């Protein structure tokens, strides 16, 4: 049964209504994630399927190899590191600074867990390339499972 008195929660100028709509949008985006969904952020990455597995490339301009860490845990790939400022400029001398510095972390879910020890990562001219070979067991196609009567 509806009330004749308008509810505070149903008013269009209710600030809680816009918060609820934003939360609903965020939950929809989270639930719509695909296997390679990584969210947004730095570094920009590309994922390519190769004959032997996956190749992930990440743009890391101005970052040294020693400042980058790549880790795989089960089906999760994590790239993290830090871009360090090369020199300090006093604020009174700086007119504009669009370059960013600091720590970053990028995580993505893989469609399979790569074999430990088979992963290769290298950097060349600010591009990090990670080769993630597909394990043997993922080569098996669909299997038919017989359904039997219990007992």
C-alpha atoms as a PDB file:
ATOM      1  CA  UNK A   1       0.000   0.000   0.000  1.00  0.00           C
ATOM      2  CA  UNK A   2       1.472   3.362  -0.940  1.00  0.00           C
ATOM      3  CA  UNK A   3       1.386   6.404   1.275  1.00  0.00           C
ATOM      4  CA  UNK A   4      -0.274   9.665   0.307  1.00  0.00           C
ATOM      5  CA  UNK A   5       2.656  11.543   1.835  1.00  0.00           C
ATOM      6  CA  UNK A   6       5.661  11.738  -0.532  1.00  0.00           C
ATOM      7  CA  UNK A   7       8.663   9.900   0.807  1.00  0.00           C
ATOM      8  CA  UNK A   8      11.955  11.721   1.319  1.00  0.00           C
ATOM      9  CA  UNK A   9      13.737   8.835  -0.412  1.00  0.00           C
ATOM     10  CA  UNK A  10      11.712   9.243  -3.608  1.00  0.00           C
ATOM     11  CA  UNK A  11      12.371  12.966  -4.088  1.00  0.00           C
ATOM     12  CA  UNK A  12      14.531  13.813  -7.099  1.00  0.00           C
ATOM     13  CA  UNK A  13      16.572  16.372  -5.122  1.00  0.00           C
ATOM     14  CA  UNK A  14      17.534  13.764  -2.519  1.00  0.00           C
ATOM     15  CA  UNK A  15      21.375  13.568  -2.325  1.00  0.00           C
ATOM     16  CA  UNK A  16      21.134   9.944  -1.219  1.00  0.00           C
ATOM     17  CA  UNK A  17      19.372   9.067  -4.489  1.00  0.00           C
ATOM     18  CA  UNK A  18      22.352  10.229  -6.571  1.00  0.00           C
ATOM     19  CA  UNK A  19      24.692   8.288  -4.277  1.00  0.00           C
ATOM     20  CA  UNK A  20      22.538   5.189  -4.727  1.00  0.00           C
ATOM     21  CA  UNK A  21      22.574   5.600  -8.518  1.00  0.00           C
ATOM     22  CA  UNK A  22      26.374   5.944  -8.506  1.00  0.00           C
ATOM     23  CA  UNK A  23      26.762   2.844  -6.319  1.00  0.00           C
ATOM     24  CA  UNK A  24      24.417   0.904  -8.627  1.00  0.00           C
ATOM     25  CA  UNK A  25      26.527   1.975 -11.624  1.00  0.00           C
ATOM     26  CA  UNK A  26      29.747   0.871  -9.913  1.00  0.00           C
ATOM     27  CA  UNK A  27      28.301  -2.531  -9.009  1.00  0.00           C
ATOM     28  CA  UNK A  28      27.073  -3.019 -12.601  1.00  0.00           C
ATOM     29  CA  UNK A  29      30.532  -2.220 -13.953  1.00  0.00           C
ATOM     30  CA  UNK A  30      32.156  -4.579 -11.455  1.00  0.00           C
ATOM     31  CA  UNK A  31      29.803  -7.449 -12.291  1.00  0.00           C
ATOM     32  CA  UNK A  32      30.244  -6.916 -16.050  1.00  0.00           C
ATOM     33  CA  UNK A  33      34.007  -7.485 -15.914  1.00  0.00           C
ATOM     34  CA  UNK A  34      35.519  -9.703 -18.537  1.00  0.00           C
ATOM     35  CA  UNK A  35      38.467 -12.112 -18.112  1.00  0.00           C
ATOM     36  CA  UNK A  36      41.067  -9.515 -19.102  1.00  0.00           C
ATOM     37  CA  UNK A  37      39.415  -6.569 -17.378  1.00  0.00           C
ATOM     38  CA  UNK A  38      42.020  -4.561 -15.511  1.00  0.00           C
ATOM     39  CA  UNK A  39      40.131  -1.457 -14.589  1.00  0.00           C
ATOM     40  CA  UNK A  40      41.716   1.761 -15.683  1.00  0.00           C
ATOM     41  CA  UNK A  41      44.983   3.350 -14.828  1.00  0.00           C
ATOM     42  CA  UNK A  42      48.679   3.381 -15.302  1.00  0.00           C
ATOM     43  CA  UNK A  43      50.423   1.693 -16.990  1.00  0.00           C
ATOM     44  CA  UNK A  44      48.556   1.319 -20.269  1.00  0.00           C
ATOM     45  CA  UNK A  45      48.622  -2.347 -21.297  1.00  0.00           C
ATOM     46  CA  UNK A  46      47.900  -4.554 -24.302  1.00  0.00           C
ATOM     47  CA  UNK A  47      47.096  -8.262 -24.042  1.00  0.00           C
ATOM     48  CA  UNK A  48      47.740 -10.392 -27.124  1.00  0.00           C
ATOM     49  CA  UNK A  49      47.053 -14.094 -27.561  1.00  0.00           C
ATOM     50  CA  UNK A  50      49.963 -15.923 -29.172  1.00  0.00           C
ATOM     51  CA  UNK A  51      50.399 -19.528 -30.327  1.00  0.00           C
ATOM     52  CA  UNK A  52      51.970 -20.418 -26.985  1.00  0.00           C
ATOM     53  CA  UNK A  53      49.947 -18.305 -24.562  1.00  0.00           C
ATOM     54  CA  UNK A  54      49.559 -14.613 -23.789  1.00  0.00           C
ATOM     55  CA  UNK A  55      51.812 -11.616 -24.229  1.00  0.00           C
ATOM     56  CA  UNK A  56      51.218  -8.564 -22.056  1.00  0.00           C
ATOM     57  CA  UNK A  57      52.928  -5.297 -22.966  1.00  0.00           C
ATOM     58  CA  UNK A  58      52.918  -2.247 -20.726  1.00  0.00           C
ATOM     59  CA  UNK A  59      54.109   1.275 -21.441  1.00  0.00           C
ATOM     60  CA  UNK A  60      56.490   2.410 -18.696  1.00  0.00           C
ATOM     61  CA  UNK A  61      58.286   5.467 -20.085  1.00  0.00           C
ATOM     62  CA  UNK A  62      61.049   6.837 -17.915  1.00  0.00           C
ATOM     63  CA  UNK A  63      61.015   3.881 -15.514  1.00  0.00           C
ATOM     64  CA  UNK A  64      64.098   1.701 -15.002  1.00  0.00           C
ATOM     65  CA  UNK A  65      63.907  -2.100 -14.924  1.00  0.00           C
ATOM     66  CA  UNK A  66      65.096  -2.087 -11.308  1.00  0.00           C
ATOM     67  CA  UNK A  67      62.022  -0.022 -10.338  1.00  0.00           C
ATOM     68  CA  UNK A  68      59.521  -2.529 -11.817  1.00  0.00           C
ATOM     69  CA  UNK A  69      58.233  -5.713 -10.186  1.00  0.00           C
ATOM     70  CA  UNK A  70      56.181  -8.388 -11.978  1.00  0.00           C
ATOM     71  CA  UNK A  71      54.421 -11.094  -9.968  1.00  0.00           C
ATOM     72  CA  UNK A  72      52.004 -13.911 -10.795  1.00  0.00           C
ATOM     73  CA  UNK A  73      49.910 -15.647  -8.174  1.00  0.00           C
ATOM     74  CA  UNK A  74      47.571 -18.335  -9.493  1.00  0.00           C
ATOM     75  CA  UNK A  75      45.585 -16.447 -12.193  1.00  0.00           C
ATOM     76  CA  UNK A  76      46.537 -12.913 -11.123  1.00  0.00           C
ATOM     77  CA  UNK A  77      49.245 -10.833 -12.805  1.00  0.00           C
ATOM     78  CA  UNK A  78      50.528  -7.785 -10.932  1.00  0.00           C
ATOM     79  CA  UNK A  79      52.802  -5.096 -12.327  1.00  0.00           C
ATOM     80  CA  UNK A  80      54.024  -2.573  -9.802  1.00  0.00           C
ATOM     81  CA  UNK A  81      56.818  -0.108  -9.431  1.00  0.00           C
ATOM     82  CA  UNK A  82      57.761   3.469  -8.929  1.00  0.00           C
ATOM     83  CA  UNK A  83      58.547   6.360 -11.212  1.00  0.00           C
ATOM     84  CA  UNK A  84      61.088   8.540  -9.447  1.00  0.00           C
ATOM     85  CA  UNK A  85      61.596  12.242  -9.978  1.00  0.00           C
ATOM     86  CA  UNK A  86      65.009  12.830 -11.512  1.00  0.00           C
ATOM     87  CA  UNK A  87      65.560  16.322 -10.161  1.00  0.00           C
ATOM     88  CA  UNK A  88      63.843  18.662  -7.796  1.00  0.00           C
ATOM     89  CA  UNK A  89      62.659  22.070  -8.889  1.00  0.00           C
ATOM     90  CA  UNK A  90      61.569  24.661  -6.397  1.00  0.00           C
ATOM     91  CA  UNK A  91      57.890  25.520  -6.684  1.00  0.00           C
ATOM     92  CA  UNK A  92      58.634  29.172  -7.479  1.00  0.00           C
ATOM     93  CA  UNK A  93      60.622  28.098 -10.591  1.00  0.00           C
ATOM     94  CA  UNK A  94      58.013  25.611 -11.838  1.00  0.00           C
ATOM     95  CA  UNK A  95      55.396  27.001 -14.190  1.00  0.00           C
ATOM     96  CA  UNK A  96      53.727  23.745 -15.255  1.00  0.00           C
ATOM     97  CA  UNK A  97      54.209  20.087 -14.402  1.00  0.00           C
ATOM     98  CA  UNK A  98      52.111  17.453 -16.189  1.00  0.00           C
ATOM     99  CA  UNK A  99      54.494  14.571 -15.510  1.00  0.00           C
ATOM    100  CA  UNK A 100      53.566  12.308 -12.650  1.00  0.00           C
ATOM    101  CA  UNK A 101      55.829  10.503 -10.224  1.00  0.00           C
ATOM    102  CA  UNK A 102      55.219   7.939  -7.551  1.00  0.00           C
ATOM    103  CA  UNK A 103      54.230   4.339  -7.035  1.00  0.00           C
ATOM    104  CA  UNK A 104      51.867   2.440  -9.343  1.00  0.00           C
ATOM    105  CA  UNK A 105      50.209  -0.963  -9.287  1.00  0.00           C
ATOM    106  CA  UNK A 106      48.239  -2.704 -12.026  1.00  0.00           C
ATOM    107  CA  UNK A 107      46.550  -6.070 -11.517  1.00  0.00           C
ATOM    108  CA  UNK A 108      44.725  -8.250 -14.022  1.00  0.00           C
ATOM    109  CA  UNK A 109      43.018 -11.629 -13.950  1.00  0.00           C
ATOM    110  CA  UNK A 110      44.384 -14.174 -16.415  1.00  0.00           C
ATOM    111  CA  UNK A 111      42.265 -16.876 -18.108  1.00  0.00           C
ATOM    112  CA  UNK A 112      44.660 -19.541 -16.768  1.00  0.00           C
ATOM    113  CA  UNK A 113      47.435 -19.959 -14.201  1.00  0.00           C
ATOM    114  CA  UNK A 114      50.799 -20.006 -16.017  1.00  0.00           C
ATOM    115  CA  UNK A 115      53.391 -22.612 -15.059  1.00  0.00           C
ATOM    116  CA  UNK A 116      55.753 -21.240 -12.385  1.00  0.00           C
ATOM    117  CA  UNK A 117      59.188 -20.558 -13.831  1.00  0.00           C
ATOM    118  CA  UNK A 118      57.917 -20.356 -17.426  1.00  0.00           C
ATOM    119  CA  UNK A 119      57.116 -16.622 -17.386  1.00  0.00           C
ATOM    120  CA  UNK A 120      59.522 -14.225 -19.092  1.00  0.00           C
ATOM    121  CA  UNK A 121      59.588 -10.444 -18.587  1.00  0.00           C
ATOM    122  CA  UNK A 122      61.906  -7.902 -20.187  1.00  0.00           C
ATOM    123  CA  UNK A 123      62.014  -4.160 -20.890  1.00  0.00           C
ATOM    124  CA  UNK A 124      63.088  -2.367 -24.040  1.00  0.00           C
ATOM    125  CA  UNK A 125      62.801   1.417 -24.559  1.00  0.00           C
ATOM    126  CA  UNK A 126      60.159   1.847 -21.848  1.00  0.00           C
ATOM    127  CA  UNK A 127      58.023  -1.116 -22.990  1.00  0.00           C
ATOM    128  CA  UNK A 128      57.645  -4.024 -20.566  1.00  0.00           C
ATOM    129  CA  UNK A 129      56.851  -7.328 -22.307  1.00  0.00           C
ATOM    130  CA  UNK A 130      55.633 -10.318 -20.305  1.00  0.00           C
ATOM    131  CA  UNK A 131      55.275 -13.756 -21.959  1.00  0.00           C
ATOM    132  CA  UNK A 132      52.823 -16.041 -20.136  1.00  0.00           C
ATOM    133  CA  UNK A 133      52.960 -19.526 -21.689  1.00  0.00           C
ATOM    134  CA  UNK A 134      49.732 -21.528 -21.571  1.00  0.00           C
ATOM    135  CA  UNK A 135      50.065 -24.630 -19.354  1.00  0.00           C
ATOM    136  CA  UNK A 136      49.630 -28.028 -21.012  1.00  0.00           C
ATOM    137  CA  UNK A 137      46.328 -28.879 -19.305  1.00  0.00           C
ATOM    138  CA  UNK A 138      44.554 -25.880 -20.862  1.00  0.00           C
ATOM    139  CA  UNK A 139      45.136 -27.388 -24.318  1.00  0.00           C
ATOM    140  CA  UNK A 140      42.531 -30.083 -23.618  1.00  0.00           C
ATOM    141  CA  UNK A 141      39.178 -29.394 -25.256  1.00  0.00           C
ATOM    142  CA  UNK A 142      35.741 -29.984 -23.786  1.00  0.00           C
ATOM    143  CA  UNK A 143      35.249 -33.353 -22.146  1.00  0.00           C
ATOM    144  CA  UNK A 144      32.016 -35.310 -22.135  1.00  0.00           C
ATOM    145  CA  UNK A 145      31.067 -36.443 -18.640  1.00  0.00           C
ATOM    146  CA  UNK A 146      28.851 -39.485 -18.314  1.00  0.00           C
ATOM    147  CA  UNK A 147      25.827 -39.039 -16.065  1.00  0.00           C
ATOM    148  CA  UNK A 148      25.077 -42.222 -14.098  1.00  0.00           C
ATOM    149  CA  UNK A 149      22.387 -43.347 -11.736  1.00  0.00           C
ATOM    150  CA  UNK A 150      23.421 -43.085  -8.097  1.00  0.00           C
ATOM    151  CA  UNK A 151      24.037 -46.371  -6.326  1.00  0.00           C
END
